[in-house]
Protein backbone atom coordinates (compact mmCIF):
# COMPACT_ATOMS: atom_id res chain seq x y z
CA UNK A 1 39.37 -45.06 -1.94
CA UNK A 2 39.92 -41.35 -2.57
CA UNK A 3 42.26 -39.01 -0.73
CA UNK A 4 40.98 -35.43 -0.41
CA UNK A 5 43.04 -32.27 0.05
CA UNK A 6 43.48 -28.59 -0.80
CA UNK A 7 46.06 -26.48 -2.62
CA UNK A 8 46.49 -22.73 -2.16
CA UNK A 9 47.82 -20.75 -5.10
CA UNK A 10 49.48 -17.32 -4.92
CA UNK A 11 48.31 -17.05 -1.32
CA UNK A 12 44.89 -16.27 -2.81
CA UNK A 13 42.56 -19.03 -4.04
CA UNK A 14 42.12 -22.47 -2.49
CA UNK A 15 41.52 -25.41 -4.85
CA UNK A 16 40.12 -28.76 -3.72
CA UNK A 17 41.51 -31.95 -5.14
CA UNK A 18 40.96 -35.67 -4.87
CA UNK A 19 43.25 -38.58 -5.70
CA UNK A 20 42.80 -42.33 -5.81
CA UNK A 21 45.23 -43.98 -3.38
CA UNK A 22 46.60 -46.32 -6.04
CA UNK A 23 47.00 -43.51 -8.57
CA UNK A 24 49.53 -40.71 -8.87
CA UNK A 25 47.11 -38.42 -10.79
CA UNK A 26 45.51 -35.63 -8.76
CA UNK A 27 42.16 -34.18 -9.96
CA UNK A 28 41.67 -30.50 -9.05
CA UNK A 29 38.19 -28.91 -9.09
CA UNK A 30 37.74 -25.44 -10.56
CA UNK A 31 34.99 -23.10 -9.35
CA UNK A 32 33.51 -19.92 -10.76
CA UNK A 33 34.75 -17.85 -7.83
CA UNK A 34 38.40 -18.74 -8.53
CA UNK A 35 40.26 -15.76 -10.02
CA UNK A 36 41.85 -15.95 -13.48
CA UNK A 37 45.48 -15.41 -12.35
CA UNK A 38 45.27 -18.34 -9.92
CA UNK A 39 43.64 -20.57 -12.55
CA UNK A 40 46.36 -19.71 -15.09
CA UNK A 41 49.12 -20.44 -12.59
CA UNK A 42 47.47 -23.74 -11.62
CA UNK A 43 47.23 -24.61 -15.31
CA UNK A 44 50.99 -24.08 -15.67
CA UNK A 45 51.56 -26.33 -12.66
CA UNK A 46 49.29 -29.00 -14.18
CA UNK A 47 51.46 -29.16 -17.31
CA UNK A 48 54.54 -29.92 -15.21
CA UNK A 49 52.90 -32.31 -12.76
CA UNK A 50 50.39 -35.13 -12.85
CA UNK A 51 47.41 -32.82 -12.26
CA UNK A 52 44.10 -32.83 -14.09
CA UNK A 53 41.91 -29.72 -13.94
CA UNK A 54 38.24 -30.65 -13.66
CA UNK A 55 35.77 -27.84 -14.30
CA UNK A 56 32.49 -29.81 -14.42
CA UNK A 57 31.01 -33.22 -15.13
CA UNK A 58 28.73 -33.60 -18.14
CA UNK A 59 25.16 -34.24 -17.03
CA UNK A 60 23.51 -35.03 -20.37
CA UNK A 61 22.29 -38.39 -19.07
CA UNK A 62 20.50 -36.75 -16.14
CA UNK A 63 18.97 -34.09 -18.38
CA UNK A 64 17.65 -36.79 -20.72
CA UNK A 65 16.20 -38.71 -17.74
CA UNK A 66 14.34 -35.67 -16.43
CA UNK A 67 12.97 -34.98 -19.91
CA UNK A 68 11.67 -38.54 -20.32
CA UNK A 69 10.10 -38.69 -16.84
CA UNK A 70 8.54 -35.23 -16.98
CA UNK A 71 4.89 -36.34 -17.10
CA UNK A 72 5.46 -39.01 -14.44
CA UNK A 73 7.15 -36.50 -12.13
CA UNK A 74 4.27 -34.02 -12.56
CA UNK A 75 1.73 -36.72 -11.64
CA UNK A 76 3.71 -37.77 -8.57
CA UNK A 77 4.11 -34.14 -7.50
CA UNK A 78 0.35 -33.47 -7.79
CA UNK A 79 -0.41 -36.57 -5.71
CA UNK A 80 2.10 -35.44 -3.10
CA UNK A 81 0.45 -32.00 -2.90
CA UNK A 82 -2.96 -33.64 -2.39
CA UNK A 83 -1.53 -35.83 0.37
CA UNK A 84 -0.02 -32.79 2.06
CA UNK A 85 -3.39 -30.99 1.90
CA UNK A 86 -5.18 -33.99 3.42
CA UNK A 87 -2.57 -34.07 6.21
CA UNK A 88 -3.33 -30.45 7.11
CA UNK A 89 -0.52 -28.71 5.22
CA UNK A 90 -2.23 -27.26 2.14
CA UNK A 91 -0.04 -25.36 -0.30
CA UNK A 92 -1.01 -22.74 -2.83
CA UNK A 93 -2.59 -24.11 -6.03
CA UNK A 94 0.12 -22.36 -8.05
CA UNK A 95 2.66 -24.73 -6.46
CA UNK A 96 1.59 -27.43 -8.93
CA UNK A 97 2.63 -25.19 -11.83
CA UNK A 98 6.10 -24.61 -10.39
CA UNK A 99 7.41 -28.09 -11.24
CA UNK A 100 7.52 -27.61 -15.06
CA UNK A 101 9.37 -24.33 -14.57
CA UNK A 102 11.76 -26.00 -12.15
CA UNK A 103 12.45 -28.82 -14.62
CA UNK A 104 13.21 -26.32 -17.40
CA UNK A 105 15.55 -24.32 -15.15
CA UNK A 106 17.25 -27.53 -13.96
CA UNK A 107 17.91 -28.66 -17.53
CA UNK A 108 19.62 -25.34 -18.29
CA UNK A 109 21.60 -25.41 -15.03
CA UNK A 110 22.81 -28.97 -15.69
CA UNK A 111 24.08 -27.84 -19.06
CA UNK A 112 25.71 -24.65 -17.73
CA UNK A 113 24.98 -23.44 -14.23
CA UNK A 114 26.78 -20.09 -14.32
CA UNK A 115 25.37 -18.11 -17.22
CA UNK A 116 24.46 -14.44 -17.42
CA UNK A 117 20.94 -13.34 -18.44
CA UNK A 118 20.55 -13.27 -22.21
CA UNK A 119 19.95 -9.98 -24.00
CA UNK A 120 16.26 -9.17 -24.22
CA UNK A 121 15.32 -11.57 -21.41
CA UNK A 122 12.23 -10.37 -19.46
CA UNK A 123 13.03 -8.60 -16.20
CA UNK A 124 11.59 -11.35 -13.90
CA UNK A 125 13.55 -14.09 -15.72
CA UNK A 126 16.75 -12.02 -15.72
CA UNK A 127 16.37 -11.27 -12.02
CA UNK A 128 15.80 -14.95 -11.27
CA UNK A 129 18.88 -15.92 -13.29
CA UNK A 130 21.09 -13.41 -11.45
CA UNK A 131 19.75 -14.57 -8.07
CA UNK A 132 20.41 -18.22 -9.01
CA UNK A 133 24.02 -17.48 -10.02
CA UNK A 134 24.56 -15.51 -6.84
CA UNK A 135 23.10 -18.32 -4.73
CA UNK A 136 25.23 -20.95 -6.47
CA UNK A 137 28.40 -18.93 -5.98
CA UNK A 138 27.66 -18.46 -2.28
CA UNK A 139 26.76 -22.13 -1.75
CA UNK A 140 29.82 -23.41 -3.65
CA UNK A 141 32.11 -21.05 -1.76
CA UNK A 142 30.84 -22.17 1.67
CA UNK A 143 30.81 -25.84 0.61
CA UNK A 144 34.47 -25.71 -0.40
CA UNK A 145 35.35 -23.70 2.72
CA UNK A 146 33.92 -26.46 4.92
CA UNK A 147 35.79 -29.14 2.98
CA UNK A 148 38.97 -27.09 3.32
CA UNK A 149 38.75 -27.29 7.11
CA UNK A 150 37.46 -30.89 7.23
CA UNK A 151 38.29 -32.91 4.07
CA UNK A 152 37.17 -36.16 5.75
CA UNK A 153 33.42 -35.48 5.37
CA UNK A 154 31.56 -38.55 4.18
CA UNK A 155 29.46 -38.54 1.01
CA UNK A 156 26.25 -38.36 3.07
CA UNK A 157 27.56 -35.42 5.08
CA UNK A 158 28.60 -33.63 1.91
CA UNK A 159 25.17 -34.18 0.40
CA UNK A 160 23.40 -32.85 3.49
CA UNK A 161 25.73 -29.87 3.54
CA UNK A 162 25.02 -29.12 -0.12
CA UNK A 163 21.24 -29.42 0.44
CA UNK A 164 21.36 -27.15 3.48
CA UNK A 165 23.44 -24.53 1.68
CA UNK A 166 21.06 -24.53 -1.29
CA UNK A 167 18.10 -24.16 1.08
CA UNK A 168 19.78 -21.35 3.02
CA UNK A 169 20.85 -19.53 -0.15
CA UNK A 170 17.25 -19.56 -1.42
CA UNK A 171 15.93 -18.27 1.90
CA UNK A 172 18.48 -15.46 2.18
CA UNK A 173 18.13 -14.29 -1.41
CA UNK A 174 14.32 -14.28 -1.35
CA UNK A 175 14.30 -12.42 1.97
CA UNK A 176 16.75 -9.87 0.61
CA UNK A 177 14.61 -9.38 -2.49
CA UNK A 178 11.43 -8.96 -0.46
CA UNK A 179 13.09 -6.48 1.90
CA UNK A 180 14.33 -4.47 -1.08
CA UNK A 181 10.85 -4.54 -2.62
CA UNK A 182 9.23 -3.45 0.66
CA UNK A 183 11.74 -0.62 0.99
CA UNK A 184 11.02 0.51 -2.57
CA UNK A 185 7.28 0.38 -1.95
CA UNK A 186 7.73 2.34 1.27
CA UNK A 187 9.57 5.10 -0.59
CA UNK A 188 6.95 5.11 -3.35
CA UNK A 189 4.20 5.14 -0.73
CA UNK A 190 5.72 8.15 1.02
CA UNK A 191 5.96 9.99 -2.28
CA UNK A 192 2.36 9.20 -3.26
CA UNK A 193 1.15 10.05 0.24
CA UNK A 194 2.66 13.53 -0.04
CA UNK A 195 1.02 13.92 -3.43
CA UNK A 196 -2.27 12.66 -2.02
CA UNK A 197 -2.18 15.17 0.84
CA UNK A 198 -1.59 17.97 -1.66
CA UNK A 199 -4.55 16.77 -3.74
CA UNK A 200 -6.72 16.51 -0.65
CA UNK A 201 -5.86 20.06 0.38
CA UNK A 202 -6.65 21.23 -3.15
CA UNK A 203 -10.02 19.44 -3.00
CA UNK A 204 -10.79 21.15 0.32
CA UNK A 205 -9.88 24.56 -1.12
CA UNK A 206 -12.05 23.90 -4.19
CA UNK A 207 -15.00 22.87 -1.98
CA UNK A 208 -14.64 26.01 0.13
CA UNK A 209 -14.39 28.22 -2.96
CA UNK A 210 -17.48 26.59 -4.44
CA UNK A 211 -19.40 27.11 -1.21
CA UNK A 212 -18.42 30.79 -1.03
CA UNK A 213 -19.47 31.37 -4.64
CA UNK A 214 -22.89 29.89 -3.93
CA UNK A 215 -23.30 31.94 -0.75
CA UNK A 216 -22.48 35.15 -2.63
CA UNK A 217 -24.94 34.28 -5.33
CA UNK A 218 -22.26 34.14 -7.99
CA UNK A 219 -23.17 30.54 -8.77
CA UNK A 220 -26.80 29.52 -9.03
CA UNK A 221 -28.07 26.22 -7.70
CA UNK A 222 -28.32 23.75 -10.56
CA UNK A 223 -27.87 20.09 -11.32
CA UNK A 224 -24.37 20.77 -12.72
CA UNK A 225 -23.31 22.56 -9.55
CA UNK A 226 -24.64 19.75 -7.36
CA UNK A 227 -22.78 17.20 -9.49
CA UNK A 228 -19.60 19.22 -9.10
CA UNK A 229 -20.05 19.35 -5.31
CA UNK A 230 -20.69 15.61 -5.14
CA UNK A 231 -17.70 14.84 -7.37
CA UNK A 232 -15.35 16.91 -5.22
CA UNK A 233 -16.70 15.27 -2.07
CA UNK A 234 -16.33 11.76 -3.50
CA UNK A 235 -12.83 12.46 -4.78
CA UNK A 236 -11.74 13.76 -1.38
CA UNK A 237 -13.37 10.79 0.36
CA UNK A 238 -11.58 8.43 -2.03
CA UNK A 239 -8.24 9.98 -1.14
CA UNK A 240 -8.98 9.58 2.57
CA UNK A 241 -9.99 5.95 1.95
CA UNK A 242 -6.70 5.32 0.13
CA UNK A 243 -4.74 6.74 3.07
CA UNK A 244 -6.60 4.38 5.38
CA UNK A 245 -5.72 1.37 3.20
CA UNK A 246 -2.07 2.43 3.19
CA UNK A 247 -2.00 2.69 6.98
CA UNK A 248 -3.62 -0.71 7.46
CA UNK A 249 -1.15 -2.43 5.11
CA UNK A 250 1.78 -1.05 7.12
CA UNK A 251 1.26 -3.44 10.03
CA UNK A 252 -2.33 -3.11 11.28
CA UNK A 253 -3.54 -0.99 14.19
CA UNK A 254 -1.15 0.73 16.58
CA UNK A 255 -3.26 1.03 19.68
CA UNK A 256 -2.85 3.72 22.33
CA UNK A 257 -5.14 5.46 24.82
CA UNK A 258 -7.10 8.21 23.09
CA UNK A 259 -8.92 11.01 24.88
CA UNK A 260 -11.96 11.60 22.73
CA UNK A 261 -12.59 15.11 24.11
CA UNK A 262 -9.12 16.23 23.11
CA UNK A 263 -9.45 14.73 19.62
CA UNK A 264 -12.82 16.43 19.15
CA UNK A 265 -11.30 19.75 20.26
CA UNK A 266 -8.49 19.33 17.70
CA UNK A 267 -11.04 18.61 14.97
CA UNK A 268 -12.99 21.73 15.96
CA UNK A 269 -9.81 23.81 15.80
CA UNK A 270 -8.91 22.39 12.37
CA UNK A 271 -12.37 23.15 10.92
CA UNK A 272 -13.26 26.38 12.73
CA UNK A 273 -12.07 28.60 9.88
CA UNK A 274 -14.03 26.55 7.37
CA UNK A 275 -17.14 26.78 9.56
CA UNK A 276 -16.79 30.56 9.87
CA UNK A 277 -16.50 30.95 6.10
CA UNK A 278 -19.64 28.85 5.67
CA UNK A 279 -21.50 30.96 8.22
CA UNK A 280 -21.90 27.99 10.57
CA UNK A 281 -21.56 28.16 14.36
CA UNK A 282 -19.37 25.29 15.59
CA UNK A 283 -19.80 24.44 19.28
CA UNK A 284 -17.89 21.93 21.44
CA UNK A 285 -19.93 20.28 24.19
CA UNK A 286 -18.99 19.75 27.83
CA UNK A 287 -16.03 17.43 28.56
CA UNK A 288 -17.01 13.82 29.13
CA UNK A 289 -13.57 12.32 29.95
CA UNK A 290 -14.29 9.51 27.47
CA UNK A 291 -11.22 7.42 26.58
CA UNK A 292 -10.75 4.36 24.39
CA UNK A 293 -7.97 2.30 22.80
CA UNK A 294 -7.44 3.20 19.16
CA UNK A 295 -5.03 4.16 16.42
CA UNK A 296 -4.54 7.93 16.36
CA UNK A 297 -3.38 7.75 12.73
CA UNK A 298 -6.89 6.65 11.76
CA UNK A 299 -9.09 8.26 14.37
CA UNK A 300 -7.74 11.81 14.12
CA UNK A 301 -8.56 12.20 10.37
CA UNK A 302 -11.82 10.25 10.90
CA UNK A 303 -13.08 12.63 13.61
CA UNK A 304 -12.01 15.63 11.52
CA UNK A 305 -13.78 14.18 8.45
CA UNK A 306 -16.93 13.61 10.52
CA UNK A 307 -17.03 17.27 11.53
CA UNK A 308 -16.43 18.33 7.92
CA UNK A 309 -19.33 16.17 6.73
CA UNK A 310 -21.54 17.91 9.27
CA UNK A 311 -20.40 21.28 7.92
CA UNK A 312 -21.20 20.13 4.37
CA UNK A 313 -24.72 19.23 5.51
CA UNK A 314 -25.28 22.54 7.33
CA UNK A 315 -27.18 25.51 6.04
CA UNK A 316 -25.82 28.99 6.50
CA UNK A 317 -26.52 30.17 10.04
CA UNK A 318 -26.83 26.62 11.41
CA UNK A 319 -25.26 25.42 14.66
CA UNK A 320 -23.14 22.29 14.74
CA UNK A 321 -22.63 20.79 18.20
CA UNK A 322 -19.82 18.27 18.81
CA UNK A 323 -20.46 16.21 21.92
CA UNK A 324 -18.48 13.31 23.42
CA UNK A 325 -19.97 10.80 25.86
CA UNK A 326 -18.99 7.59 27.62
CA UNK A 327 -21.36 4.65 27.64
CA UNK A 328 -20.96 1.35 29.48
CA UNK A 329 -18.58 -0.32 27.07
CA UNK A 330 -18.22 2.32 24.38
CA UNK A 331 -17.10 5.86 23.69
CA UNK A 332 -19.52 7.96 21.66
CA UNK A 333 -19.03 11.00 19.45
CA UNK A 334 -22.14 12.81 18.26
CA UNK A 335 -22.19 15.71 15.81
CA UNK A 336 -25.63 17.36 15.74
CA UNK A 337 -26.72 19.89 13.10
CA UNK A 338 -29.87 21.90 13.85
CA UNK A 339 -30.47 22.97 10.23
CA UNK A 340 -29.45 20.49 7.51
CA UNK A 341 -29.48 20.86 3.75
CA UNK A 342 -32.03 18.40 2.44
CA UNK A 343 -33.06 17.35 -1.01
CA UNK A 344 -36.62 17.18 -2.30
CA UNK A 345 -38.49 14.52 -0.36
CA UNK A 346 -36.70 15.27 2.90
CA UNK A 347 -33.61 13.20 2.11
CA UNK A 348 -30.27 14.44 3.39
CA UNK A 349 -27.73 15.85 0.96
CA UNK A 350 -24.73 13.73 -0.07
CA UNK A 351 -22.83 12.20 2.87
CA UNK A 352 -20.17 10.40 0.79
CA UNK A 353 -17.46 11.87 3.02
CA UNK A 354 -18.47 9.40 5.73
CA UNK A 355 -16.72 6.50 3.92
CA UNK A 356 -13.45 7.13 5.75
CA UNK A 357 -15.22 7.65 9.09
CA UNK A 358 -17.24 4.45 8.72
CA UNK A 359 -14.20 2.35 7.76
CA UNK A 360 -12.08 3.71 10.61
CA UNK A 361 -14.89 3.00 13.08
CA UNK A 362 -15.45 -0.55 11.81
CA UNK A 363 -11.74 -1.33 11.93
CA UNK A 364 -11.94 -0.49 15.65
CA UNK A 365 -15.08 -2.59 16.11
CA UNK A 366 -17.52 0.35 16.06
CA UNK A 367 -19.98 1.89 13.63
CA UNK A 368 -21.38 5.21 12.35
CA UNK A 369 -25.05 6.16 12.04
CA UNK A 370 -26.76 9.11 10.34
CA UNK A 371 -30.32 10.03 11.29
CA UNK A 372 -32.70 12.91 11.03
CA UNK A 373 -34.03 14.69 14.09
CA UNK A 374 -37.31 16.60 14.52
CA UNK A 375 -37.37 19.77 12.48
CA UNK A 376 -34.68 20.32 9.90
CA UNK A 377 -31.85 18.80 11.93
CA UNK A 378 -29.72 15.69 11.61
CA UNK A 379 -27.20 13.83 13.76
CA UNK A 380 -24.06 11.84 12.97
CA UNK A 381 -23.07 9.35 15.66
CA UNK A 382 -19.94 7.22 16.00
CA UNK A 383 -19.67 4.59 18.72
CA UNK A 384 -16.43 2.80 19.47
CA UNK A 385 -15.71 0.00 21.97
CA UNK A 386 -13.39 1.05 24.78
CA UNK A 387 -11.01 -1.74 23.72
CA UNK A 388 -11.13 -3.19 20.15
CA UNK A 389 -11.32 -6.93 19.83
CA UNK A 390 -7.99 -8.48 18.73
């Protein structure tokens, strides 16, 4: 039977020891977190007393066993994953490929658990090695701290404690890594968002300048000019679409009550200068008091983009009417243009800018429609449910 105890050196490090009752030799365990001065002083004490310093136990036999049983362990692990899937707890298919990596890492840890990343090691492997060393140090420190306060723990209790500490260390380290990665992505996202807004403003200025040049007759209508207009429109729409993706990946919709009349009035104010430069009369219809539940981060740029698309479709001297209405279970925004630019065959000009509007509407459970009206007019309509489905 073994007697367990602790020894404190230099009022600093605590060392755990065990001793067979019938023996006078005390075996002291060394850990990586013990400081060098305390280890040197304990080594001096060991030379004068019957003390044996025990750093680690050789595990070559275990390493050889894992190597020999590798194929058998992989087969058993695959069968266990299939059983878990049949029981209603399916795991990712990549989980099957984790066992060989775990066996390789275990073999290295059994040989030497605390080792720094080798020079030239790939960044993921080096990061994993540092996290493993950090987790082992934390787990060993807490394990010895518990034994220091209660040396009478049974072997089964010590094993459960070690398993729980290893589990907790993995959970804490992975969570810390993911939080750091999310924080880094958030900073990068903010930086790219600012850049994206600058690019979007530049695209808007380029579209306005192109429109003015055509109105003044300084740029003749040609296939190259139309391609340039379409390219600018698609690039701007792509930026808006990217902003929408970024918002949706930051936690989904943030619903609040939105007054559609007020949002339409803001969109009119934001685009009034652009409409004046294009020679288009922009009119806001009578208030409808239509309200719905939506995410203002998405709907405000979507309504503004919808008005801008209408301006892009308008001929000089046209009238664009923005009208809100409330239906039974939906709020409706209609933007009507009395004189639209149309291509040969009566087709409308490019409406690629509606990509953002259509996505924002569908995320809220609604939709966007574009249709021609008698004469040379066209209408853009967005209908949204009063309350999106969860």
